[in-house]
Amino acid sequence: MKTDMTRKIRKMSWLKERLSRAVRYGLFYSGVWTLGIFVTLLWHSRAMIEQSIASLNMRAKESFEKDLIIRQWSLLHGGVYVPVTPETPPNPYLAQLPNRDIETTSGQKLTLINPGYMTRQLHELGKKRFGSKSHMASLNPINPKNSPDEWERGALLAFQNGAAEVGEVAAMGGVPCFRFMRPLATEKRCLFCHEKDGHRPGEMRCGISVAIPISYYWEEMGNHIVSVYMGYGAIWVMGLFGIALGTRKLSAYIGHIRKTEETLRDGEEKYRTMMESIGDLVYICSDDFRIKYVNPAMAAKMGRCDINARCHEAIYHLKAPCSWCAFDRLKQGEQVVYV
């Protein structure tokens, strides 16, 4: 009765240990998997944001290069004459030029549009059509419309300290934008209008800034991020399912091993009980004739229990194996009976 109760307690302890070990493995690998998914998702999200900013930066540079080419074309021709209209009145900052305003043979009045005036008008048209805002700004503007805002002032000061360009996400009028600015160097043709201002060729006179609202890009990226999150969520769930399945198989495998161990332990216990209950003299030896087990009857006969002693020395007091020893025949599978 006591033996049966001991077995039941041992079995319950084994089942508890089996469940605890399997759960620990499952929780550990689930945590590692979740952490890996989380870190990868953060990296992917950051990469998407950086890619979006890189796209905005590229678009801003393209806008700047377009403005620069138009300015170069206007400088190449020394400006262009256009009809005087309410939208294009004569430039008061070119009043010192004797040929600012001319009249055609048909009587149509024309006014000179210099590169700065042309650039400003193109920026106004681009703002209405494309949503992006370009602005020519200077720390010492002739036209107040070219006065810099706080961000442009910081960029112009950075150019004086050697910066080649400035680009970052910053607010403009409370609207999040990607803002970009590069300096413009004074060219020899610029002195046609600005020689009186003391400018010299090669010096940084002003810069062109580009502001692109990022709401559309953020909305598009947000939709993409939702899709990415859903994909990662599906992968995460499938991974947890695989871990749960693996944990179940591991639990079954551990159970099989434990069951085998229990069977062997019970067999050993039964064998030991049988050996200790019989009155015959029983001892077990290893390959090198060393005693590994003696039953109580044998121990009583010997008067002692010399475990690991050589059998021929402990039992028969011989220095060499017994001449009648059948150990080698038993190892070959032969059955030996002593009468």
C-alpha atoms as a PDB file:
ATOM      1  CA  MET A   1       0.000   0.000   0.000  1.00  0.00           C
ATOM      2  CA  LYS A   2       2.815   2.314   0.899  1.00  0.00           C
ATOM      3  CA  THR A   3       4.627   1.430  -2.334  1.00  0.00           C
ATOM      4  CA  ASP A   4       1.542   2.189  -4.466  1.00  0.00           C
ATOM      5  CA  MET A   5       1.074   5.560  -2.759  1.00  0.00           C
ATOM      6  CA  THR A   6       4.748   6.387  -3.330  1.00  0.00           C
ATOM      7  CA  ARG A   7       4.367   5.564  -7.019  1.00  0.00           C
ATOM      8  CA  LYS A   8       1.291   7.774  -7.341  1.00  0.00           C
ATOM      9  CA  ILE A   9       3.041  10.697  -5.677  1.00  0.00           C
ATOM     10  CA  ARG A  10       6.093  10.196  -7.900  1.00  0.00           C
ATOM     11  CA  LYS A  11       3.896  10.056 -11.013  1.00  0.00           C
ATOM     12  CA  MET A  12       2.067  13.273 -10.071  1.00  0.00           C
ATOM     13  CA  SER A  13       5.397  14.996  -9.423  1.00  0.00           C
ATOM     14  CA  TRP A  14       6.671  13.774 -12.793  1.00  0.00           C
ATOM     15  CA  LEU A  15       3.569  15.077 -14.626  1.00  0.00           C
ATOM     16  CA  LYS A  16       3.934  18.456 -12.935  1.00  0.00           C
ATOM     17  CA  GLU A  17       7.630  18.651 -13.829  1.00  0.00           C
ATOM     18  CA  ARG A  18       6.875  17.635 -17.425  1.00  0.00           C
ATOM     19  CA  LEU A  19       4.236  20.350 -17.820  1.00  0.00           C
ATOM     20  CA  SER A  20       6.435  22.968 -16.134  1.00  0.00           C
ATOM     21  CA  ARG A  21       9.431  22.222 -18.358  1.00  0.00           C
ATOM     22  CA  ALA A  22       7.370  22.272 -21.571  1.00  0.00           C
ATOM     23  CA  VAL A  23       5.693  25.550 -20.563  1.00  0.00           C
ATOM     24  CA  ARG A  24       9.070  27.126 -19.772  1.00  0.00           C
ATOM     25  CA  TYR A  25      10.428  26.126 -23.172  1.00  0.00           C
ATOM     26  CA  GLY A  26       7.279  27.417 -24.893  1.00  0.00           C
ATOM     27  CA  LEU A  27       7.317  30.740 -23.052  1.00  0.00           C
ATOM     28  CA  PHE A  28      11.040  31.240 -23.676  1.00  0.00           C
ATOM     29  CA  TYR A  29      10.848  30.663 -27.435  1.00  0.00           C
ATOM     30  CA  SER A  30       7.606  32.659 -27.673  1.00  0.00           C
ATOM     31  CA  GLY A  31       9.354  35.578 -25.981  1.00  0.00           C
ATOM     32  CA  VAL A  32      12.375  35.313 -28.284  1.00  0.00           C
ATOM     33  CA  TRP A  33      10.083  35.120 -31.340  1.00  0.00           C
ATOM     34  CA  THR A  34       7.996  38.104 -30.191  1.00  0.00           C
ATOM     35  CA  LEU A  35      11.103  40.182 -29.483  1.00  0.00           C
ATOM     36  CA  GLY A  36      12.549  39.311 -32.906  1.00  0.00           C
ATOM     37  CA  ILE A  37       9.298  40.298 -34.665  1.00  0.00           C
ATOM     38  CA  PHE A  38       9.111  43.553 -32.664  1.00  0.00           C
ATOM     39  CA  VAL A  39      12.714  44.560 -33.420  1.00  0.00           C
ATOM     40  CA  THR A  40      12.316  43.690 -37.111  1.00  0.00           C
ATOM     41  CA  LEU A  41       9.085  45.678 -37.287  1.00  0.00           C
ATOM     42  CA  LEU A  42      10.751  48.718 -35.721  1.00  0.00           C
ATOM     43  CA  TRP A  43      13.625  48.438 -38.196  1.00  0.00           C
ATOM     44  CA  HIS A  44      11.191  48.112 -41.118  1.00  0.00           C
ATOM     45  CA  SER A  45       9.133  51.105 -39.927  1.00  0.00           C
ATOM     46  CA  ARG A  46      12.251  53.232 -39.574  1.00  0.00           C
ATOM     47  CA  ALA A  47      13.425  52.165 -43.033  1.00  0.00           C
ATOM     48  CA  MET A  48      10.060  53.201 -44.530  1.00  0.00           C
ATOM     49  CA  ILE A  49      10.246  56.612 -42.837  1.00  0.00           C
ATOM     50  CA  GLU A  50      13.818  57.123 -44.050  1.00  0.00           C
ATOM     51  CA  GLN A  51      12.796  56.072 -47.564  1.00  0.00           C
ATOM     52  CA  SER A  52       9.892  58.531 -47.518  1.00  0.00           C
ATOM     53  CA  ILE A  53      12.179  61.352 -46.362  1.00  0.00           C
ATOM     54  CA  ALA A  54      14.690  60.393 -49.055  1.00  0.00           C
ATOM     55  CA  SER A  55      11.911  60.646 -51.674  1.00  0.00           C
ATOM     56  CA  LEU A  56      10.949  64.094 -50.358  1.00  0.00           C
ATOM     57  CA  ASN A  57      14.587  65.162 -50.426  1.00  0.00           C
ATOM     58  CA  MET A  58      14.926  63.985 -54.024  1.00  0.00           C
ATOM     59  CA  ARG A  59      11.786  65.836 -55.068  1.00  0.00           C
ATOM     60  CA  ALA A  60      13.003  69.021 -53.351  1.00  0.00           C
ATOM     61  CA  LYS A  61      16.368  68.772 -55.118  1.00  0.00           C
ATOM     62  CA  GLU A  62      14.644  68.299 -58.463  1.00  0.00           C
ATOM     63  CA  SER A  63      12.562  71.429 -57.801  1.00  0.00           C
ATOM     64  CA  PHE A  64      15.696  73.380 -56.892  1.00  0.00           C
ATOM     65  CA  GLU A  65      17.550  72.180 -60.004  1.00  0.00           C
ATOM     66  CA  LYS A  66      14.592  73.207 -62.170  1.00  0.00           C
ATOM     67  CA  ASP A  67      14.641  76.714 -60.661  1.00  0.00           C
ATOM     68  CA  LEU A  68      18.403  76.885 -61.120  1.00  0.00           C
ATOM     69  CA  ILE A  69      18.176  75.963 -64.821  1.00  0.00           C
ATOM     70  CA  ILE A  70      15.517  78.618 -65.418  1.00  0.00           C
ATOM     71  CA  ARG A  71      17.676  81.203 -63.639  1.00  0.00           C
ATOM     72  CA  GLN A  72      20.673  80.177 -65.733  1.00  0.00           C
ATOM     73  CA  TRP A  73      18.639  80.589 -68.901  1.00  0.00           C
ATOM     74  CA  SER A  74      17.429  84.026 -67.797  1.00  0.00           C
ATOM     75  CA  LEU A  75      20.962  85.089 -66.828  1.00  0.00           C
ATOM     76  CA  LEU A  76      22.247  83.841 -70.166  1.00  0.00           C
ATOM     77  CA  HIS A  77      19.940  86.277 -71.952  1.00  0.00           C
ATOM     78  CA  GLY A  78      20.203  89.101 -69.419  1.00  0.00           C
ATOM     79  CA  GLY A  79      16.521  88.770 -68.541  1.00  0.00           C
ATOM     80  CA  VAL A  80      13.497  88.861 -70.831  1.00  0.00           C
ATOM     81  CA  TYR A  81      10.958  91.509 -71.813  1.00  0.00           C
ATOM     82  CA  VAL A  82       7.286  90.776 -71.238  1.00  0.00           C
ATOM     83  CA  PRO A  83       4.126  92.853 -71.647  1.00  0.00           C
ATOM     84  CA  VAL A  84       3.212  95.039 -68.686  1.00  0.00           C
ATOM     85  CA  THR A  85       0.151  93.624 -66.902  1.00  0.00           C
ATOM     86  CA  PRO A  86      -1.383  93.947 -63.432  1.00  0.00           C
ATOM     87  CA  GLU A  87       0.288  90.638 -62.562  1.00  0.00           C
ATOM     88  CA  THR A  88       3.629  91.771 -64.013  1.00  0.00           C
ATOM     89  CA  PRO A  89       4.175  95.451 -63.319  1.00  0.00           C
ATOM     90  CA  PRO A  90       7.588  97.069 -63.851  1.00  0.00           C
ATOM     91  CA  ASN A  91      10.071  96.041 -61.195  1.00  0.00           C
ATOM     92  CA  PRO A  92      10.713  99.120 -58.994  1.00  0.00           C
ATOM     93  CA  TYR A  93      14.065  97.664 -57.909  1.00  0.00           C
ATOM     94  CA  LEU A  94      15.310  97.946 -61.497  1.00  0.00           C
ATOM     95  CA  ALA A  95      14.376 101.617 -61.882  1.00  0.00           C
ATOM     96  CA  GLN A  96      18.061 102.541 -62.224  1.00  0.00           C
ATOM     97  CA  LEU A  97      18.265 100.684 -65.523  1.00  0.00           C
ATOM     98  CA  PRO A  98      17.648 103.028 -68.512  1.00  0.00           C
ATOM     99  CA  ASN A  99      16.137 100.220 -70.605  1.00  0.00           C
ATOM    100  CA  ARG A 100      13.952  98.644 -67.943  1.00  0.00           C
ATOM    101  CA  ASP A 101      10.819  99.632 -69.893  1.00  0.00           C
ATOM    102  CA  ILE A 102      10.598  99.731 -73.671  1.00  0.00           C
ATOM    103  CA  GLU A 103       7.872 100.115 -76.268  1.00  0.00           C
ATOM    104  CA  THR A 104       7.496  98.135 -79.447  1.00  0.00           C
ATOM    105  CA  THR A 105       6.965  99.719 -82.835  1.00  0.00           C
ATOM    106  CA  SER A 106       3.310  98.799 -82.506  1.00  0.00           C
ATOM    107  CA  GLY A 107       3.073 100.715 -79.245  1.00  0.00           C
ATOM    108  CA  GLN A 108       2.983  97.780 -76.803  1.00  0.00           C
ATOM    109  CA  LYS A 109       4.782  98.474 -73.548  1.00  0.00           C
ATOM    110  CA  LEU A 110       7.250  95.867 -72.304  1.00  0.00           C
ATOM    111  CA  THR A 111       9.154  95.607 -69.023  1.00  0.00           C
ATOM    112  CA  LEU A 112      12.334  93.743 -68.158  1.00  0.00           C
ATOM    113  CA  ILE A 113      11.993  90.588 -66.064  1.00  0.00           C
ATOM    114  CA  ASN A 114      15.319  89.821 -64.418  1.00  0.00           C
ATOM    115  CA  PRO A 115      16.163  86.309 -63.051  1.00  0.00           C
ATOM    116  CA  GLY A 116      14.979  87.153 -59.526  1.00  0.00           C
ATOM    117  CA  TYR A 117      11.644  88.516 -60.712  1.00  0.00           C
ATOM    118  CA  MET A 118      11.137  85.520 -63.012  1.00  0.00           C
ATOM    119  CA  THR A 119      12.012  83.037 -60.256  1.00  0.00           C
ATOM    120  CA  ARG A 120       9.553  84.645 -57.842  1.00  0.00           C
ATOM    121  CA  GLN A 121       6.702  84.474 -60.364  1.00  0.00           C
ATOM    122  CA  LEU A 122       7.479  80.837 -61.161  1.00  0.00           C
ATOM    123  CA  HIS A 123       7.409  80.032 -57.453  1.00  0.00           C
ATOM    124  CA  GLU A 124       3.944  81.588 -57.134  1.00  0.00           C
ATOM    125  CA  LEU A 125       2.647  79.540 -60.081  1.00  0.00           C
ATOM    126  CA  GLY A 126       4.210  76.346 -58.690  1.00  0.00           C
ATOM    127  CA  LYS A 127       2.602  76.907 -55.303  1.00  0.00           C
ATOM    128  CA  LYS A 128      -0.855  77.094 -56.881  1.00  0.00           C
ATOM    129  CA  ARG A 129      -0.364  74.056 -59.120  1.00  0.00           C
ATOM    130  CA  PHE A 130       1.887  71.606 -57.264  1.00  0.00           C
ATOM    131  CA  GLY A 131       1.393  72.519 -53.593  1.00  0.00           C
ATOM    132  CA  SER A 132       5.118  72.845 -53.000  1.00  0.00           C
ATOM    133  CA  LYS A 133       6.448  76.221 -51.936  1.00  0.00           C
ATOM    134  CA  SER A 134       9.702  77.664 -53.227  1.00  0.00           C
ATOM    135  CA  HIS A 135      11.170  80.923 -52.038  1.00  0.00           C
ATOM    136  CA  MET A 136      14.267  82.927 -52.790  1.00  0.00           C
ATOM    137  CA  ALA A 137      15.623  84.429 -49.576  1.00  0.00           C
ATOM    138  CA  SER A 138      18.583  86.575 -48.554  1.00  0.00           C
ATOM    139  CA  LEU A 139      19.982  87.874 -45.287  1.00  0.00           C
ATOM    140  CA  ASN A 140      20.271  91.304 -46.960  1.00  0.00           C
ATOM    141  CA  PRO A 141      17.279  91.418 -49.321  1.00  0.00           C
ATOM    142  CA  ILE A 142      16.676  94.255 -51.736  1.00  0.00           C
ATOM    143  CA  ASN A 143      13.028  93.253 -52.089  1.00  0.00           C
ATOM    144  CA  PRO A 144      11.236  92.662 -48.751  1.00  0.00           C
ATOM    145  CA  LYS A 145       9.500  89.678 -50.362  1.00  0.00           C
ATOM    146  CA  ASN A 146      12.892  87.968 -50.287  1.00  0.00           C
ATOM    147  CA  SER A 147      13.208  88.270 -46.507  1.00  0.00           C
ATOM    148  CA  PRO A 148      13.881  84.872 -44.878  1.00  0.00           C
ATOM    149  CA  ASP A 149      11.720  83.237 -42.272  1.00  0.00           C
ATOM    150  CA  GLU A 150      13.299  81.798 -39.136  1.00  0.00           C
ATOM    151  CA  TRP A 151      14.155  78.431 -40.722  1.00  0.00           C
ATOM    152  CA  GLU A 152      15.595  80.035 -43.876  1.00  0.00           C
ATOM    153  CA  ARG A 153      17.666  82.410 -41.755  1.00  0.00           C
ATOM    154  CA  GLY A 154      19.194  79.453 -39.944  1.00  0.00           C
ATOM    155  CA  ALA A 155      19.969  77.755 -43.271  1.00  0.00           C
ATOM    156  CA  LEU A 156      21.574  80.919 -44.717  1.00  0.00           C
ATOM    157  CA  LEU A 157      23.754  81.260 -41.617  1.00  0.00           C
ATOM    158  CA  ALA A 158      24.746  77.606 -42.027  1.00  0.00           C
ATOM    159  CA  PHE A 159      25.805  78.350 -45.627  1.00  0.00           C
ATOM    160  CA  GLN A 160      28.071  81.108 -44.341  1.00  0.00           C
ATOM    161  CA  ASN A 161      29.703  78.480 -42.110  1.00  0.00           C
ATOM    162  CA  GLY A 162      30.358  76.169 -45.043  1.00  0.00           C
ATOM    163  CA  ALA A 163      27.208  74.028 -45.310  1.00  0.00           C
ATOM    164  CA  ALA A 164      26.426  72.934 -48.888  1.00  0.00           C
ATOM    165  CA  GLU A 165      22.706  72.345 -48.314  1.00  0.00           C
ATOM    166  CA  VAL A 166      20.135  71.976 -45.538  1.00  0.00           C
ATOM    167  CA  GLY A 167      17.218  69.558 -45.600  1.00  0.00           C
ATOM    168  CA  GLU A 168      14.928  68.363 -42.788  1.00  0.00           C
ATOM    169  CA  VAL A 169      11.338  67.960 -41.654  1.00  0.00           C
ATOM    170  CA  ALA A 170      10.181  71.260 -40.147  1.00  0.00           C
ATOM    171  CA  ALA A 171       6.932  73.174 -39.745  1.00  0.00           C
ATOM    172  CA  MET A 172       6.049  76.027 -42.061  1.00  0.00           C
ATOM    173  CA  GLY A 173       3.085  78.101 -40.961  1.00  0.00           C
ATOM    174  CA  GLY A 174       2.071  75.296 -38.615  1.00  0.00           C
ATOM    175  CA  VAL A 175       2.065  72.725 -41.450  1.00  0.00           C
ATOM    176  CA  PRO A 176       4.608  69.858 -41.322  1.00  0.00           C
ATOM    177  CA  CYS A 177       6.832  70.106 -44.395  1.00  0.00           C
ATOM    178  CA  PHE A 178      10.074  68.779 -45.727  1.00  0.00           C
ATOM    179  CA  ARG A 179      12.212  71.893 -46.132  1.00  0.00           C
ATOM    180  CA  PHE A 180      15.269  72.076 -48.340  1.00  0.00           C
ATOM    181  CA  MET A 181      17.588  74.942 -49.216  1.00  0.00           C
ATOM    182  CA  ARG A 182      20.754  75.496 -51.217  1.00  0.00           C
ATOM    183  CA  PRO A 183      22.770  78.700 -51.622  1.00  0.00           C
ATOM    184  CA  LEU A 184      23.120  80.701 -54.832  1.00  0.00           C
ATOM    185  CA  ALA A 185      26.494  82.218 -55.651  1.00  0.00           C
ATOM    186  CA  THR A 186      26.761  85.618 -57.304  1.00  0.00           C
ATOM    187  CA  GLU A 187      27.685  85.312 -60.979  1.00  0.00           C
ATOM    188  CA  LYS A 188      29.223  87.957 -63.197  1.00  0.00           C
ATOM    189  CA  ARG A 189      25.936  88.408 -65.074  1.00  0.00           C
ATOM    190  CA  CYS A 190      24.183  89.130 -61.749  1.00  0.00           C
ATOM    191  CA  LEU A 191      26.189  92.365 -61.419  1.00  0.00           C
ATOM    192  CA  PHE A 192      24.111  93.815 -64.243  1.00  0.00           C
ATOM    193  CA  CYS A 193      21.406  94.450 -61.631  1.00  0.00           C
ATOM    194  CA  HIS A 194      23.313  94.115 -58.335  1.00  0.00           C
ATOM    195  CA  GLU A 195      26.639  95.811 -58.928  1.00  0.00           C
ATOM    196  CA  LYS A 196      25.486  98.855 -56.982  1.00  0.00           C
ATOM    197  CA  ASP A 197      24.791  96.615 -53.957  1.00  0.00           C
ATOM    198  CA  GLY A 198      28.491  95.778 -53.591  1.00  0.00           C
ATOM    199  CA  HIS A 199      28.233  92.085 -54.507  1.00  0.00           C
ATOM    200  CA  ARG A 200      31.221  90.267 -55.979  1.00  0.00           C
ATOM    201  CA  PRO A 201      31.284  87.133 -58.178  1.00  0.00           C
ATOM    202  CA  GLY A 202      31.485  83.909 -56.240  1.00  0.00           C
ATOM    203  CA  GLU A 203      30.096  85.110 -52.907  1.00  0.00           C
ATOM    204  CA  MET A 204      26.961  83.649 -51.366  1.00  0.00           C
ATOM    205  CA  ARG A 205      24.228  86.196 -51.932  1.00  0.00           C
ATOM    206  CA  CYS A 206      21.000  84.291 -51.347  1.00  0.00           C
ATOM    207  CA  GLY A 207      19.436  80.857 -51.531  1.00  0.00           C
ATOM    208  CA  ILE A 208      16.364  79.081 -52.818  1.00  0.00           C
ATOM    209  CA  SER A 209      14.275  77.109 -50.353  1.00  0.00           C
ATOM    210  CA  VAL A 210      11.719  74.423 -51.175  1.00  0.00           C
ATOM    211  CA  ALA A 211       8.935  73.373 -48.788  1.00  0.00           C
ATOM    212  CA  ILE A 212       6.891  70.234 -49.582  1.00  0.00           C
ATOM    213  CA  PRO A 213       3.879  69.437 -47.367  1.00  0.00           C
ATOM    214  CA  ILE A 214       4.261  65.891 -46.110  1.00  0.00           C
ATOM    215  CA  SER A 215       0.638  65.165 -45.185  1.00  0.00           C
ATOM    216  CA  TYR A 216       0.067  63.206 -48.398  1.00  0.00           C
ATOM    217  CA  TYR A 217       3.286  61.244 -47.966  1.00  0.00           C
ATOM    218  CA  TRP A 218       2.504  60.528 -44.298  1.00  0.00           C
ATOM    219  CA  GLU A 219      -1.011  59.354 -45.200  1.00  0.00           C
ATOM    220  CA  GLU A 220       0.301  57.102 -47.953  1.00  0.00           C
ATOM    221  CA  MET A 221       3.041  55.753 -45.708  1.00  0.00           C
ATOM    222  CA  GLY A 222       0.515  55.250 -42.890  1.00  0.00           C
ATOM    223  CA  ASN A 223      -1.619  53.042 -45.129  1.00  0.00           C
ATOM    224  CA  HIS A 224       1.474  51.095 -46.120  1.00  0.00           C
ATOM    225  CA  ILE A 225       2.560  50.727 -42.477  1.00  0.00           C
ATOM    226  CA  VAL A 226      -0.880  49.313 -41.568  1.00  0.00           C
ATOM    227  CA  SER A 227      -0.463  46.682 -44.292  1.00  0.00           C
ATOM    228  CA  VAL A 228       3.049  45.897 -43.055  1.00  0.00           C
ATOM    229  CA  TYR A 229       1.848  45.612 -39.452  1.00  0.00           C
ATOM    230  CA  MET A 230      -0.903  43.204 -40.520  1.00  0.00           C
ATOM    231  CA  GLY A 231       1.649  41.098 -42.400  1.00  0.00           C
ATOM    232  CA  TYR A 232       3.996  41.005 -39.421  1.00  0.00           C
ATOM    233  CA  GLY A 233       1.045  40.168 -37.157  1.00  0.00           C
ATOM    234  CA  ALA A 234       0.143  37.199 -39.348  1.00  0.00           C
ATOM    235  CA  ILE A 235       3.773  35.990 -39.323  1.00  0.00           C
ATOM    236  CA  TRP A 236       3.887  36.427 -35.534  1.00  0.00           C
ATOM    237  CA  VAL A 237       0.705  34.382 -35.025  1.00  0.00           C
ATOM    238  CA  MET A 238       1.959  31.617 -37.335  1.00  0.00           C
ATOM    239  CA  GLY A 239       5.243  31.570 -35.449  1.00  0.00           C
ATOM    240  CA  LEU A 240       3.448  31.245 -32.108  1.00  0.00           C
ATOM    241  CA  PHE A 241       1.343  28.436 -33.549  1.00  0.00           C
ATOM    242  CA  GLY A 242       4.498  26.640 -34.660  1.00  0.00           C
ATOM    243  CA  ILE A 243       6.082  27.133 -31.229  1.00  0.00           C
ATOM    244  CA  ALA A 244       2.920  25.791 -29.547  1.00  0.00           C
ATOM    245  CA  LEU A 245       2.969  22.748 -31.819  1.00  0.00           C
ATOM    246  CA  GLY A 246       6.662  22.208 -31.141  1.00  0.00           C
ATOM    247  CA  THR A 247       6.087  22.611 -27.392  1.00  0.00           C
ATOM    248  CA  ARG A 248       3.367  19.984 -27.536  1.00  0.00           C
ATOM    249  CA  LYS A 249       5.637  17.549 -29.374  1.00  0.00           C
ATOM    250  CA  LEU A 250       8.460  18.320 -26.949  1.00  0.00           C
ATOM    251  CA  SER A 251       6.132  17.660 -24.032  1.00  0.00           C
ATOM    252  CA  ALA A 252       5.130  14.326 -25.562  1.00  0.00           C
ATOM    253  CA  TYR A 253       8.804  13.437 -26.135  1.00  0.00           C
ATOM    254  CA  ILE A 254       9.728  14.354 -22.568  1.00  0.00           C
ATOM    255  CA  GLY A 255       6.757  12.278 -21.401  1.00  0.00           C
ATOM    256  CA  HIS A 256       7.954   9.304 -23.405  1.00  0.00           C
ATOM    257  CA  ILE A 257      11.445   9.554 -21.904  1.00  0.00           C
ATOM    258  CA  ARG A 258      10.060   9.957 -18.419  1.00  0.00           C
ATOM    259  CA  LYS A 259       7.738   6.984 -18.913  1.00  0.00           C
ATOM    260  CA  THR A 260      10.654   4.857 -20.081  1.00  0.00           C
ATOM    261  CA  GLU A 261      12.676   5.944 -17.073  1.00  0.00           C
ATOM    262  CA  GLU A 262       9.767   5.130 -14.794  1.00  0.00           C
ATOM    263  CA  THR A 263       9.416   1.680 -16.339  1.00  0.00           C
ATOM    264  CA  LEU A 264      13.109   0.980 -15.908  1.00  0.00           C
ATOM    265  CA  ARG A 265      13.007   2.285 -12.355  1.00  0.00           C
ATOM    266  CA  ASP A 266      10.028   0.083 -11.481  1.00  0.00           C
ATOM    267  CA  GLY A 267      11.733  -2.921 -13.080  1.00  0.00           C
ATOM    268  CA  GLU A 268      14.886  -2.241 -11.153  1.00  0.00           C
ATOM    269  CA  GLU A 269      12.905  -1.871  -7.947  1.00  0.00           C
ATOM    270  CA  LYS A 270      11.090  -5.184  -8.555  1.00  0.00           C
ATOM    271  CA  TYR A 271      14.365  -6.903  -9.426  1.00  0.00           C
ATOM    272  CA  ARG A 272      16.049  -5.560  -6.315  1.00  0.00           C
ATOM    273  CA  THR A 273      13.119  -6.585  -4.139  1.00  0.00           C
ATOM    274  CA  MET A 274      13.253 -10.108  -5.594  1.00  0.00           C
ATOM    275  CA  MET A 275      17.016 -10.391  -5.138  1.00  0.00           C
ATOM    276  CA  GLU A 276      16.851  -9.199  -1.563  1.00  0.00           C
ATOM    277  CA  SER A 277      13.988 -11.500  -0.605  1.00  0.00           C
ATOM    278  CA  ILE A 278      15.411 -14.838  -1.810  1.00  0.00           C
ATOM    279  CA  GLY A 279      17.642 -16.936   0.373  1.00  0.00           C
ATOM    280  CA  ASP A 280      20.115 -17.915  -2.355  1.00  0.00           C
ATOM    281  CA  LEU A 281      23.547 -16.324  -2.491  1.00  0.00           C
ATOM    282  CA  VAL A 282      23.572 -13.735  -5.284  1.00  0.00           C
ATOM    283  CA  TYR A 283      26.234 -11.283  -6.367  1.00  0.00           C
ATOM    284  CA  ILE A 284      26.818  -9.340  -9.604  1.00  0.00           C
ATOM    285  CA  CYS A 285      30.252  -8.630 -11.130  1.00  0.00           C
ATOM    286  CA  SER A 286      31.553  -6.328 -13.828  1.00  0.00           C
ATOM    287  CA  ASP A 287      33.750  -7.387 -16.771  1.00  0.00           C
ATOM    288  CA  ASP A 288      36.876  -6.936 -14.660  1.00  0.00           C
ATOM    289  CA  PHE A 289      35.522  -9.225 -11.883  1.00  0.00           C
ATOM    290  CA  ARG A 290      34.622  -6.409  -9.502  1.00  0.00           C
ATOM    291  CA  ILE A 291      31.594  -6.889  -7.265  1.00  0.00           C
ATOM    292  CA  LYS A 292      28.785  -4.420  -8.010  1.00  0.00           C
ATOM    293  CA  TYR A 293      25.960  -5.932  -5.966  1.00  0.00           C
ATOM    294  CA  VAL A 294      25.424  -8.576  -3.287  1.00  0.00           C
ATOM    295  CA  ASN A 295      22.056  -9.573  -1.857  1.00  0.00           C
ATOM    296  CA  PRO A 296      21.545  -9.723   1.915  1.00  0.00           C
ATOM    297  CA  ALA A 297      22.024 -13.508   1.976  1.00  0.00           C
ATOM    298  CA  MET A 298      25.417 -13.185   0.265  1.00  0.00           C
ATOM    299  CA  ALA A 299      26.433 -10.305   2.514  1.00  0.00           C
ATOM    300  CA  ALA A 300      25.520 -12.374   5.570  1.00  0.00           C
ATOM    301  CA  LYS A 301      27.561 -15.302   4.219  1.00  0.00           C
ATOM    302  CA  MET A 302      30.591 -13.102   3.557  1.00  0.00           C
ATOM    303  CA  GLY A 303      30.220 -11.237   6.810  1.00  0.00           C
ATOM    304  CA  ARG A 304      30.834  -8.010   4.946  1.00  0.00           C
ATOM    305  CA  CYS A 305      29.883  -6.204   1.706  1.00  0.00           C
ATOM    306  CA  ASP A 306      33.014  -5.454  -0.338  1.00  0.00           C
ATOM    307  CA  ILE A 307      31.572  -3.468  -3.270  1.00  0.00           C
ATOM    308  CA  ASN A 308      34.155  -2.936  -6.073  1.00  0.00           C
ATOM    309  CA  ALA A 309      36.411  -5.654  -4.627  1.00  0.00           C
ATOM    310  CA  ARG A 310      37.405  -8.460  -7.003  1.00  0.00           C
ATOM    311  CA  CYS A 311      35.130 -11.464  -6.536  1.00  0.00           C
ATOM    312  CA  HIS A 312      37.877 -14.076  -6.394  1.00  0.00           C
ATOM    313  CA  GLU A 313      39.695 -12.046  -3.737  1.00  0.00           C
ATOM    314  CA  ALA A 314      36.660 -11.126  -1.598  1.00  0.00           C
ATOM    315  CA  ILE A 315      34.870 -14.479  -1.715  1.00  0.00           C
ATOM    316  CA  TYR A 316      37.546 -17.145  -2.291  1.00  0.00           C
ATOM    317  CA  HIS A 317      40.638 -15.240  -1.203  1.00  0.00           C
ATOM    318  CA  LEU A 318      42.420 -16.039  -4.491  1.00  0.00           C
ATOM    319  CA  LYS A 319      44.800 -13.733  -6.289  1.00  0.00           C
ATOM    320  CA  ALA A 320      43.667 -14.858  -9.766  1.00  0.00           C
ATOM    321  CA  PRO A 321      40.221 -15.596 -11.209  1.00  0.00           C
ATOM    322  CA  CYS A 322      38.820 -18.966 -10.181  1.00  0.00           C
ATOM    323  CA  SER A 323      39.667 -21.900 -12.427  1.00  0.00           C
ATOM    324  CA  TRP A 324      35.981 -22.905 -12.522  1.00  0.00           C
ATOM    325  CA  CYS A 325      34.770 -19.367 -13.368  1.00  0.00           C
ATOM    326  CA  ALA A 326      32.222 -19.454 -16.199  1.00  0.00           C
ATOM    327  CA  PHE A 327      32.127 -15.702 -16.741  1.00  0.00           C
ATOM    328  CA  ASP A 328      33.637 -15.840 -20.258  1.00  0.00           C
ATOM    329  CA  ARG A 329      31.159 -18.560 -21.290  1.00  0.00           C
ATOM    330  CA  LEU A 330      28.260 -16.515 -19.957  1.00  0.00           C
ATOM    331  CA  LYS A 331      29.367 -13.467 -21.973  1.00  0.00           C
ATOM    332  CA  GLN A 332      29.166 -15.626 -25.110  1.00  0.00           C
ATOM    333  CA  GLY A 333      25.545 -16.461 -24.315  1.00  0.00           C
ATOM    334  CA  GLU A 334      26.067 -19.971 -22.951  1.00  0.00           C
ATOM    335  CA  GLN A 335      23.862 -21.112 -20.113  1.00  0.00           C
ATOM    336  CA  VAL A 336      25.825 -22.521 -17.179  1.00  0.00           C
ATOM    337  CA  VAL A 337      24.274 -24.548 -14.369  1.00  0.00           C
ATOM    338  CA  TYR A 338      26.198 -25.603 -11.241  1.00  0.00           C
ATOM    339  CA  VAL A 339      25.015 -28.752  -9.493  1.00  0.00           C
END
